[in-house]
């Protein structure tokens, strides 16, 4: 049993570049990704006994990486909000330019708002967090085909709304 744990630990260490890439893809550098990586590895090491080998190790590692990362990001955001001064002279603050990423995230939120909660959750779980259909079905407590249908219908609605939004934006552009 001890040798299995040691060999699994070696395999996890071999997957360390994957964990690093995943963290860097999901989270901004200001989150101190080295500390976050250590938290992920500690969590993986603590939970090695729970890996049953029924699915790919990389998927198991990915789930832990994403969950630990989002938990860390929420903690950092909450700490920053607590440390923000409650009052201050806003006139001294320089206006910050609004990035295109902000507008994109607002657009995605608007598009997702047009879906039912079940469809929205299925789409986010699959396309943002990379869950498989069986995992989505398990998360929502429905059969796999129901999860597949929610995902398919949700994506169809998103595409339709995005095309409509694009046509609307093009029709509102000034002609010069």
N, C-alpha and C. Protein backbone atom coordinates (compact mmCIF):
# COMPACT_ATOMS: atom_id res chain seq x y z
N UNK A 1 0.83 -1.19 0.00
CA UNK A 1 0.00 0.00 0.00
C UNK A 1 0.88 1.25 0.00
N UNK A 2 1.99 1.23 0.77
CA UNK A 2 2.89 2.37 0.82
C UNK A 2 3.54 2.61 -0.54
N UNK A 3 3.89 1.55 -1.26
CA UNK A 3 4.53 1.72 -2.57
C UNK A 3 3.55 2.31 -3.58
N UNK A 4 2.25 1.97 -3.47
CA UNK A 4 1.25 2.57 -4.34
C UNK A 4 1.16 4.07 -4.11
N UNK A 5 1.21 4.47 -2.84
CA UNK A 5 1.14 5.89 -2.52
C UNK A 5 2.36 6.63 -3.04
N UNK A 6 3.52 6.01 -2.93
CA UNK A 6 4.75 6.63 -3.41
C UNK A 6 4.73 6.74 -4.93
N UNK A 7 4.29 5.70 -5.62
CA UNK A 7 4.26 5.76 -7.07
C UNK A 7 3.21 6.77 -7.56
N UNK A 8 2.09 6.85 -6.89
CA UNK A 8 1.07 7.83 -7.26
C UNK A 8 1.58 9.24 -7.01
N UNK A 9 2.33 9.42 -5.93
CA UNK A 9 2.95 10.72 -5.65
C UNK A 9 3.92 11.09 -6.76
N UNK A 10 4.67 10.14 -7.27
CA UNK A 10 5.60 10.41 -8.37
C UNK A 10 4.86 10.78 -9.64
N UNK A 11 3.74 10.14 -9.89
CA UNK A 11 2.94 10.47 -11.07
C UNK A 11 2.38 11.88 -10.94
N UNK A 12 1.92 12.24 -9.75
CA UNK A 12 1.39 13.59 -9.53
C UNK A 12 2.49 14.61 -9.76
N UNK A 13 3.70 14.34 -9.29
CA UNK A 13 4.82 15.26 -9.52
C UNK A 13 5.12 15.37 -11.02
N UNK A 14 4.93 14.30 -11.76
CA UNK A 14 5.13 14.35 -13.21
C UNK A 14 4.08 15.24 -13.88
N UNK A 15 2.93 15.37 -13.25
CA UNK A 15 1.85 16.20 -13.79
C UNK A 15 1.94 17.65 -13.32
N UNK A 16 2.99 18.00 -12.59
CA UNK A 16 3.15 19.35 -12.08
C UNK A 16 3.13 20.41 -13.19
N UNK A 17 3.77 20.20 -14.34
CA UNK A 17 3.66 21.21 -15.41
C UNK A 17 2.22 21.45 -15.86
N UNK A 18 1.41 20.39 -15.88
CA UNK A 18 0.00 20.54 -16.25
C UNK A 18 -0.71 21.44 -15.23
N UNK A 19 -0.45 21.21 -13.95
CA UNK A 19 -1.08 22.01 -12.89
C UNK A 19 -0.66 23.46 -13.04
N UNK A 20 0.61 23.71 -13.29
CA UNK A 20 1.09 25.09 -13.47
C UNK A 20 0.42 25.76 -14.65
N UNK A 21 0.35 25.06 -15.78
CA UNK A 21 -0.29 25.64 -16.98
C UNK A 21 -1.75 25.96 -16.70
N UNK A 22 -2.43 25.07 -16.01
CA UNK A 22 -3.86 25.26 -15.72
C UNK A 22 -4.06 26.48 -14.83
N UNK A 23 -3.23 26.62 -13.81
CA UNK A 23 -3.35 27.78 -12.91
C UNK A 23 -3.07 29.08 -13.66
N UNK A 24 -2.04 29.08 -14.50
CA UNK A 24 -1.70 30.30 -15.24
C UNK A 24 -2.77 30.65 -16.28
N UNK A 25 -3.46 29.65 -16.78
CA UNK A 25 -4.52 29.91 -17.75
C UNK A 25 -5.79 30.45 -17.07
N UNK A 26 -6.04 30.01 -15.86
CA UNK A 26 -7.28 30.37 -15.18
C UNK A 26 -7.20 31.64 -14.35
N UNK A 27 -6.03 31.94 -13.79
CA UNK A 27 -5.96 32.99 -12.79
C UNK A 27 -4.91 34.03 -13.15
N UNK A 28 -5.15 35.28 -12.75
CA UNK A 28 -4.19 36.35 -13.05
C UNK A 28 -2.94 36.21 -12.19
N UNK A 29 -1.80 36.72 -12.69
CA UNK A 29 -0.54 36.57 -11.95
C UNK A 29 -0.55 37.23 -10.56
N UNK A 30 -1.38 38.25 -10.35
CA UNK A 30 -1.38 38.91 -9.05
C UNK A 30 -1.93 38.04 -7.93
N UNK A 31 -2.42 36.86 -8.24
CA UNK A 31 -2.90 35.94 -7.20
C UNK A 31 -1.76 35.17 -6.54
N UNK A 32 -0.53 35.45 -6.90
CA UNK A 32 0.63 34.74 -6.39
C UNK A 32 0.48 33.24 -6.68
N UNK A 33 0.68 32.92 -7.93
CA UNK A 33 0.41 31.56 -8.42
C UNK A 33 1.34 30.52 -7.81
N UNK A 34 2.53 30.92 -7.34
CA UNK A 34 3.41 29.93 -6.71
C UNK A 34 2.80 29.43 -5.40
N UNK A 35 2.23 30.35 -4.62
CA UNK A 35 1.56 29.93 -3.38
C UNK A 35 0.33 29.08 -3.70
N UNK A 36 -0.38 29.48 -4.73
CA UNK A 36 -1.57 28.74 -5.13
C UNK A 36 -1.19 27.32 -5.57
N UNK A 37 -0.09 27.21 -6.29
CA UNK A 37 0.39 25.89 -6.72
C UNK A 37 0.71 25.02 -5.51
N UNK A 38 1.32 25.59 -4.49
CA UNK A 38 1.62 24.85 -3.28
C UNK A 38 0.35 24.39 -2.58
N UNK A 39 -0.67 25.25 -2.56
CA UNK A 39 -1.94 24.86 -1.95
C UNK A 39 -2.56 23.70 -2.71
N UNK A 40 -2.48 23.74 -4.03
CA UNK A 40 -3.02 22.65 -4.84
C UNK A 40 -2.28 21.36 -4.53
N UNK A 41 -0.95 21.42 -4.49
CA UNK A 41 -0.17 20.21 -4.22
C UNK A 41 -0.45 19.66 -2.82
N UNK A 42 -0.61 20.54 -1.84
CA UNK A 42 -0.96 20.07 -0.50
C UNK A 42 -2.32 19.38 -0.51
N UNK A 43 -3.27 19.97 -1.21
CA UNK A 43 -4.60 19.39 -1.30
C UNK A 43 -4.57 18.05 -2.01
N UNK A 44 -3.79 17.98 -3.08
CA UNK A 44 -3.65 16.71 -3.82
C UNK A 44 -3.04 15.65 -2.91
N UNK A 45 -1.97 16.03 -2.20
CA UNK A 45 -1.30 15.06 -1.32
C UNK A 45 -2.24 14.59 -0.20
N UNK A 46 -3.02 15.53 0.36
CA UNK A 46 -3.97 15.18 1.40
C UNK A 46 -5.05 14.23 0.89
N UNK A 47 -5.39 14.33 -0.38
CA UNK A 47 -6.50 13.55 -0.93
C UNK A 47 -6.07 12.40 -1.82
N UNK A 48 -4.78 12.08 -1.85
CA UNK A 48 -4.31 10.97 -2.68
C UNK A 48 -5.05 9.67 -2.38
N UNK A 49 -5.39 9.46 -1.14
CA UNK A 49 -6.08 8.23 -0.76
C UNK A 49 -7.47 8.13 -1.39
N UNK A 50 -8.05 9.27 -1.77
CA UNK A 50 -9.41 9.24 -2.33
C UNK A 50 -9.43 8.96 -3.83
N UNK A 51 -8.26 9.03 -4.49
CA UNK A 51 -8.22 8.74 -5.93
C UNK A 51 -8.36 7.23 -6.12
N UNK A 52 -9.45 6.85 -6.81
CA UNK A 52 -9.75 5.43 -6.97
C UNK A 52 -9.25 4.87 -8.30
N UNK A 53 -8.80 5.72 -9.18
CA UNK A 53 -8.27 5.25 -10.46
C UNK A 53 -9.34 4.92 -11.47
N UNK A 54 -10.59 5.34 -11.23
CA UNK A 54 -11.68 5.03 -12.15
C UNK A 54 -11.68 5.95 -13.36
N UNK A 55 -11.09 7.11 -13.21
CA UNK A 55 -11.02 8.07 -14.31
C UNK A 55 -9.59 8.51 -14.50
N UNK A 56 -9.37 9.37 -15.48
CA UNK A 56 -8.00 9.83 -15.72
C UNK A 56 -7.48 10.64 -14.54
N UNK A 57 -6.22 10.45 -14.20
CA UNK A 57 -5.59 11.18 -13.11
C UNK A 57 -5.59 12.67 -13.41
N UNK A 58 -5.37 13.03 -14.67
CA UNK A 58 -5.31 14.44 -15.04
C UNK A 58 -6.65 15.13 -14.77
N UNK A 59 -7.76 14.44 -15.00
CA UNK A 59 -9.08 15.02 -14.73
C UNK A 59 -9.26 15.23 -13.23
N UNK A 60 -8.81 14.27 -12.43
CA UNK A 60 -8.89 14.38 -10.98
C UNK A 60 -8.05 15.56 -10.50
N UNK A 61 -6.83 15.68 -11.03
CA UNK A 61 -5.96 16.79 -10.67
C UNK A 61 -6.56 18.13 -11.11
N UNK A 62 -7.18 18.14 -12.27
CA UNK A 62 -7.78 19.37 -12.79
C UNK A 62 -8.89 19.84 -11.88
N UNK A 63 -9.73 18.93 -11.42
CA UNK A 63 -10.83 19.30 -10.53
C UNK A 63 -10.29 19.92 -9.24
N UNK A 64 -9.27 19.29 -8.68
CA UNK A 64 -8.69 19.83 -7.45
C UNK A 64 -8.08 21.20 -7.72
N UNK A 65 -7.36 21.33 -8.83
CA UNK A 65 -6.71 22.59 -9.19
C UNK A 65 -7.74 23.70 -9.33
N UNK A 66 -8.81 23.44 -10.05
CA UNK A 66 -9.83 24.46 -10.27
C UNK A 66 -10.53 24.82 -8.96
N UNK A 67 -10.89 23.83 -8.18
CA UNK A 67 -11.61 24.11 -6.94
C UNK A 67 -10.74 24.88 -5.94
N UNK A 68 -9.51 24.45 -5.76
CA UNK A 68 -8.60 25.14 -4.84
C UNK A 68 -8.32 26.56 -5.37
N UNK A 69 -8.15 26.69 -6.67
CA UNK A 69 -7.88 27.99 -7.26
C UNK A 69 -9.02 28.96 -7.06
N UNK A 70 -10.24 28.54 -7.33
CA UNK A 70 -11.39 29.42 -7.15
C UNK A 70 -11.60 29.77 -5.68
N UNK A 71 -11.37 28.82 -4.80
CA UNK A 71 -11.50 29.09 -3.37
C UNK A 71 -10.47 30.15 -2.95
N UNK A 72 -9.24 30.00 -3.43
CA UNK A 72 -8.18 30.96 -3.13
C UNK A 72 -8.53 32.33 -3.70
N UNK A 73 -9.03 32.37 -4.93
CA UNK A 73 -9.38 33.65 -5.56
C UNK A 73 -10.50 34.35 -4.78
N UNK A 74 -11.48 33.59 -4.30
CA UNK A 74 -12.55 34.18 -3.49
C UNK A 74 -12.00 34.76 -2.19
N UNK A 75 -11.07 34.02 -1.56
CA UNK A 75 -10.47 34.51 -0.31
C UNK A 75 -9.69 35.80 -0.55
N UNK A 76 -8.92 35.85 -1.63
CA UNK A 76 -8.14 37.04 -1.95
C UNK A 76 -9.07 38.22 -2.21
N UNK A 77 -10.13 37.98 -2.98
CA UNK A 77 -11.09 39.05 -3.28
C UNK A 77 -11.77 39.55 -2.01
N UNK A 78 -12.17 38.64 -1.13
CA UNK A 78 -12.82 39.03 0.12
C UNK A 78 -11.86 39.83 1.00
N UNK A 79 -10.60 39.41 1.06
CA UNK A 79 -9.61 40.14 1.85
C UNK A 79 -9.40 41.54 1.29
N UNK A 80 -9.33 41.65 -0.03
CA UNK A 80 -9.15 42.97 -0.65
C UNK A 80 -10.34 43.87 -0.36
N UNK A 81 -11.54 43.31 -0.37
CA UNK A 81 -12.73 44.11 -0.08
C UNK A 81 -12.75 44.56 1.38
N UNK A 82 -12.29 43.69 2.29
CA UNK A 82 -12.24 44.05 3.71
C UNK A 82 -11.21 45.14 3.95
N UNK A 83 -10.10 45.07 3.22
CA UNK A 83 -9.02 46.02 3.44
C UNK A 83 -9.23 47.35 2.73
N UNK A 84 -10.21 47.41 1.86
CA UNK A 84 -10.51 48.66 1.17
C UNK A 84 -11.00 49.68 2.16
N UNK A 85 -10.55 50.91 2.04
CA UNK A 85 -11.09 51.93 2.95
C UNK A 85 -12.57 52.16 2.66
N UNK A 86 -13.33 52.34 3.71
CA UNK A 86 -14.76 52.52 3.54
C UNK A 86 -15.09 53.89 2.98
N UNK A 87 -14.27 54.86 3.28
CA UNK A 87 -14.51 56.18 2.72
C UNK A 87 -13.18 56.71 2.21
N UNK A 88 -13.25 57.56 1.25
CA UNK A 88 -12.02 58.11 0.68
C UNK A 88 -12.37 59.20 -0.30
N UNK A 89 -11.37 59.94 -0.67
CA UNK A 89 -11.58 61.02 -1.62
C UNK A 89 -11.50 60.44 -3.02
N UNK A 90 -12.66 60.23 -3.65
CA UNK A 90 -12.70 59.62 -4.96
C UNK A 90 -12.24 60.56 -6.06
N UNK A 91 -12.20 61.85 -5.77
CA UNK A 91 -11.78 62.80 -6.79
C UNK A 91 -10.28 62.68 -7.06
N UNK A 92 -9.51 62.23 -6.08
CA UNK A 92 -8.07 62.08 -6.27
C UNK A 92 -7.74 60.83 -7.09
N UNK A 93 -8.66 59.90 -7.14
CA UNK A 93 -8.40 58.65 -7.86
C UNK A 93 -8.45 58.91 -9.36
N UNK A 94 -7.45 58.40 -10.03
CA UNK A 94 -7.40 58.54 -11.49
C UNK A 94 -8.40 57.57 -12.10
N UNK A 95 -9.11 57.99 -13.13
CA UNK A 95 -10.05 57.06 -13.76
C UNK A 95 -9.29 55.91 -14.43
N UNK A 96 -9.78 54.71 -14.21
CA UNK A 96 -9.15 53.53 -14.80
C UNK A 96 -9.82 53.23 -16.12
N UNK A 97 -9.03 52.93 -17.14
CA UNK A 97 -9.65 52.57 -18.41
C UNK A 97 -10.34 51.21 -18.30
N UNK A 98 -11.48 51.12 -18.91
CA UNK A 98 -12.22 49.86 -18.88
C UNK A 98 -11.68 48.97 -19.99
N UNK A 99 -11.27 47.79 -19.61
CA UNK A 99 -10.65 46.91 -20.58
C UNK A 99 -11.70 46.21 -21.44
N UNK A 100 -11.24 45.70 -22.55
CA UNK A 100 -12.13 44.96 -23.44
C UNK A 100 -12.60 43.66 -22.78
N UNK A 101 -11.75 43.12 -21.89
CA UNK A 101 -12.13 41.90 -21.18
C UNK A 101 -13.36 42.15 -20.31
N UNK A 102 -13.46 43.36 -19.75
CA UNK A 102 -14.63 43.69 -18.94
C UNK A 102 -15.89 43.67 -19.80
N UNK A 103 -15.81 44.30 -20.97
CA UNK A 103 -16.98 44.33 -21.85
C UNK A 103 -17.34 42.92 -22.33
N UNK A 104 -16.33 42.11 -22.60
CA UNK A 104 -16.59 40.73 -23.02
C UNK A 104 -17.27 39.96 -21.90
N UNK A 105 -16.79 40.11 -20.67
CA UNK A 105 -17.42 39.38 -19.57
C UNK A 105 -18.85 39.86 -19.33
N UNK A 106 -19.09 41.17 -19.52
CA UNK A 106 -20.46 41.69 -19.39
C UNK A 106 -21.36 41.09 -20.47
N UNK A 107 -20.85 41.00 -21.69
CA UNK A 107 -21.62 40.44 -22.79
C UNK A 107 -21.94 38.97 -22.51
N UNK A 108 -20.96 38.21 -22.04
CA UNK A 108 -21.18 36.80 -21.73
C UNK A 108 -22.22 36.66 -20.62
N UNK A 109 -22.13 37.51 -19.61
CA UNK A 109 -23.13 37.47 -18.53
C UNK A 109 -24.53 37.74 -19.07
N UNK A 110 -24.64 38.72 -19.97
CA UNK A 110 -25.95 39.03 -20.56
C UNK A 110 -26.47 37.86 -21.38
N UNK A 111 -25.58 37.24 -22.15
CA UNK A 111 -26.00 36.10 -22.97
C UNK A 111 -26.43 34.93 -22.08
N UNK A 112 -25.67 34.67 -21.02
CA UNK A 112 -26.00 33.57 -20.13
C UNK A 112 -27.28 33.85 -19.33
N UNK A 113 -27.58 35.11 -19.11
CA UNK A 113 -28.78 35.46 -18.34
C UNK A 113 -30.05 35.04 -19.07
N UNK A 114 -29.96 34.85 -20.38
CA UNK A 114 -31.13 34.44 -21.15
C UNK A 114 -31.42 32.96 -21.09
N UNK A 115 -30.57 32.20 -20.41
CA UNK A 115 -30.77 30.75 -20.29
C UNK A 115 -31.45 30.42 -18.96
N UNK A 116 -32.06 29.27 -18.94
CA UNK A 116 -32.62 28.80 -17.67
C UNK A 116 -31.44 28.47 -16.74
N UNK A 117 -31.68 28.46 -15.43
CA UNK A 117 -30.57 28.17 -14.50
C UNK A 117 -29.91 26.81 -14.77
N UNK A 118 -30.70 25.81 -15.15
CA UNK A 118 -30.14 24.49 -15.41
C UNK A 118 -29.26 24.50 -16.66
N UNK A 119 -29.74 25.17 -17.71
CA UNK A 119 -28.96 25.26 -18.94
C UNK A 119 -27.69 26.07 -18.70
N UNK A 120 -27.81 27.17 -17.98
CA UNK A 120 -26.66 28.02 -17.70
C UNK A 120 -25.59 27.23 -16.93
N UNK A 121 -26.03 26.49 -15.91
CA UNK A 121 -25.07 25.71 -15.12
C UNK A 121 -24.41 24.63 -15.97
N UNK A 122 -25.17 23.97 -16.82
CA UNK A 122 -24.60 22.93 -17.69
C UNK A 122 -23.56 23.52 -18.64
N UNK A 123 -23.88 24.66 -19.23
CA UNK A 123 -22.95 25.30 -20.17
C UNK A 123 -21.67 25.73 -19.45
N UNK A 124 -21.80 26.35 -18.29
CA UNK A 124 -20.62 26.81 -17.55
C UNK A 124 -19.78 25.63 -17.07
N UNK A 125 -20.43 24.62 -16.53
CA UNK A 125 -19.68 23.45 -16.07
C UNK A 125 -18.91 22.80 -17.21
N UNK A 126 -19.53 22.70 -18.38
CA UNK A 126 -18.88 22.02 -19.50
C UNK A 126 -17.82 22.89 -20.18
N UNK A 127 -18.19 24.10 -20.56
CA UNK A 127 -17.30 24.91 -21.38
C UNK A 127 -16.32 25.76 -20.59
N UNK A 128 -16.62 26.06 -19.34
CA UNK A 128 -15.69 26.86 -18.55
C UNK A 128 -14.83 25.97 -17.65
N UNK A 129 -15.46 25.03 -16.97
CA UNK A 129 -14.74 24.18 -16.03
C UNK A 129 -14.32 22.84 -16.61
N UNK A 130 -14.80 22.52 -17.81
CA UNK A 130 -14.36 21.30 -18.48
C UNK A 130 -14.98 20.02 -17.96
N UNK A 131 -16.14 20.09 -17.33
CA UNK A 131 -16.80 18.88 -16.83
C UNK A 131 -17.29 18.04 -18.01
N UNK A 132 -17.28 16.74 -17.83
CA UNK A 132 -17.84 15.81 -18.81
C UNK A 132 -19.35 15.70 -18.55
N UNK A 133 -20.06 15.12 -19.52
CA UNK A 133 -21.52 14.99 -19.39
C UNK A 133 -21.92 14.22 -18.13
N UNK A 134 -21.22 13.14 -17.86
CA UNK A 134 -21.56 12.34 -16.68
C UNK A 134 -21.40 13.15 -15.40
N UNK A 135 -20.37 14.00 -15.36
CA UNK A 135 -20.15 14.84 -14.18
C UNK A 135 -21.23 15.91 -14.05
N UNK A 136 -21.65 16.47 -15.18
CA UNK A 136 -22.72 17.47 -15.17
C UNK A 136 -24.01 16.83 -14.69
N UNK A 137 -24.30 15.63 -15.21
CA UNK A 137 -25.51 14.92 -14.81
C UNK A 137 -25.48 14.62 -13.31
N UNK A 138 -24.33 14.19 -12.82
CA UNK A 138 -24.20 13.91 -11.39
C UNK A 138 -24.37 15.18 -10.57
N UNK A 139 -23.78 16.27 -11.03
CA UNK A 139 -23.88 17.55 -10.32
C UNK A 139 -25.33 18.02 -10.24
N UNK A 140 -26.07 17.85 -11.34
CA UNK A 140 -27.45 18.33 -11.37
C UNK A 140 -28.45 17.28 -10.92
N UNK A 141 -28.00 16.06 -10.70
CA UNK A 141 -28.89 15.01 -10.24
C UNK A 141 -29.91 14.58 -11.28
N UNK A 142 -29.48 14.54 -12.55
CA UNK A 142 -30.37 14.17 -13.65
C UNK A 142 -29.68 13.10 -14.49
N UNK A 143 -30.44 12.42 -15.35
CA UNK A 143 -29.81 11.46 -16.25
C UNK A 143 -28.86 12.16 -17.24
N UNK A 144 -27.93 11.40 -17.77
CA UNK A 144 -26.93 11.95 -18.69
C UNK A 144 -27.58 12.58 -19.92
N UNK A 145 -28.62 11.95 -20.43
CA UNK A 145 -29.29 12.50 -21.62
C UNK A 145 -29.96 13.84 -21.34
N UNK A 146 -30.46 14.01 -20.11
CA UNK A 146 -31.05 15.29 -19.74
C UNK A 146 -29.97 16.36 -19.69
N UNK A 147 -28.82 16.00 -19.12
CA UNK A 147 -27.70 16.95 -19.09
C UNK A 147 -27.25 17.30 -20.50
N UNK A 148 -27.20 16.30 -21.38
CA UNK A 148 -26.81 16.52 -22.78
C UNK A 148 -27.80 17.48 -23.46
N UNK A 149 -29.09 17.27 -23.19
CA UNK A 149 -30.13 18.11 -23.78
C UNK A 149 -30.01 19.55 -23.27
N UNK A 150 -29.78 19.71 -21.96
CA UNK A 150 -29.64 21.06 -21.41
C UNK A 150 -28.44 21.78 -22.02
N UNK A 151 -27.37 21.05 -22.19
CA UNK A 151 -26.17 21.64 -22.79
C UNK A 151 -26.41 22.01 -24.25
N UNK A 152 -27.03 21.11 -24.99
CA UNK A 152 -27.28 21.35 -26.41
C UNK A 152 -28.24 22.53 -26.61
N UNK A 153 -29.35 22.54 -25.88
CA UNK A 153 -30.33 23.61 -26.01
C UNK A 153 -29.73 24.94 -25.53
N UNK A 154 -28.99 24.89 -24.44
CA UNK A 154 -28.35 26.10 -23.92
C UNK A 154 -27.37 26.70 -24.92
N UNK A 155 -26.56 25.85 -25.55
CA UNK A 155 -25.60 26.35 -26.55
C UNK A 155 -26.32 26.88 -27.78
N UNK A 156 -27.41 26.23 -28.18
CA UNK A 156 -28.18 26.72 -29.33
C UNK A 156 -28.72 28.11 -29.04
N UNK A 157 -29.27 28.30 -27.83
CA UNK A 157 -29.80 29.61 -27.45
C UNK A 157 -28.68 30.66 -27.39
N UNK A 158 -27.53 30.27 -26.84
CA UNK A 158 -26.41 31.22 -26.78
C UNK A 158 -25.96 31.65 -28.17
N UNK A 159 -25.83 30.69 -29.08
CA UNK A 159 -25.41 31.03 -30.45
C UNK A 159 -26.43 31.95 -31.11
N UNK A 160 -27.70 31.64 -30.93
CA UNK A 160 -28.75 32.45 -31.52
C UNK A 160 -28.72 33.87 -30.96
N UNK A 161 -28.61 33.99 -29.64
CA UNK A 161 -28.56 35.32 -29.02
C UNK A 161 -27.31 36.08 -29.43
N UNK A 162 -26.18 35.37 -29.56
CA UNK A 162 -24.93 36.03 -29.97
C UNK A 162 -25.04 36.55 -31.40
N UNK A 163 -25.63 35.73 -32.30
CA UNK A 163 -25.82 36.18 -33.69
C UNK A 163 -26.76 37.38 -33.76
N UNK A 164 -27.84 37.34 -32.97
CA UNK A 164 -28.78 38.46 -32.93
C UNK A 164 -28.06 39.72 -32.42
N UNK A 165 -27.28 39.56 -31.37
CA UNK A 165 -26.56 40.69 -30.79
C UNK A 165 -25.56 41.27 -31.80
N UNK A 166 -24.89 40.39 -32.53
CA UNK A 166 -23.93 40.82 -33.53
C UNK A 166 -24.63 41.61 -34.65
N UNK A 167 -25.77 41.10 -35.13
CA UNK A 167 -26.52 41.81 -36.17
C UNK A 167 -27.00 43.16 -35.66
N UNK A 168 -27.43 43.20 -34.40
CA UNK A 168 -27.91 44.44 -33.81
C UNK A 168 -26.76 45.46 -33.71
N UNK A 169 -25.60 45.00 -33.26
CA UNK A 169 -24.44 45.90 -33.16
C UNK A 169 -24.04 46.44 -34.53
N UNK A 170 -24.10 45.58 -35.56
CA UNK A 170 -23.72 46.02 -36.91
C UNK A 170 -24.73 47.04 -37.45
N UNK A 171 -25.99 46.86 -37.13
CA UNK A 171 -27.00 47.79 -37.65
C UNK A 171 -26.92 49.15 -36.94
N UNK A 172 -26.34 49.19 -35.73
CA UNK A 172 -26.24 50.44 -34.99
C UNK A 172 -24.98 51.22 -35.28
N UNK A 173 -24.04 50.63 -36.04
CA UNK A 173 -22.79 51.33 -36.34
C UNK A 173 -23.07 52.45 -37.32
N UNK A 174 -22.44 53.61 -37.10
CA UNK A 174 -22.66 54.73 -38.03
C UNK A 174 -22.09 54.42 -39.42
N UNK A 175 -22.74 54.92 -40.40
CA UNK A 175 -22.31 54.70 -41.78
C UNK A 175 -21.51 55.93 -42.21
N UNK A 176 -20.22 55.79 -42.35
CA UNK A 176 -19.35 56.88 -42.78
C UNK A 176 -18.38 56.41 -43.79
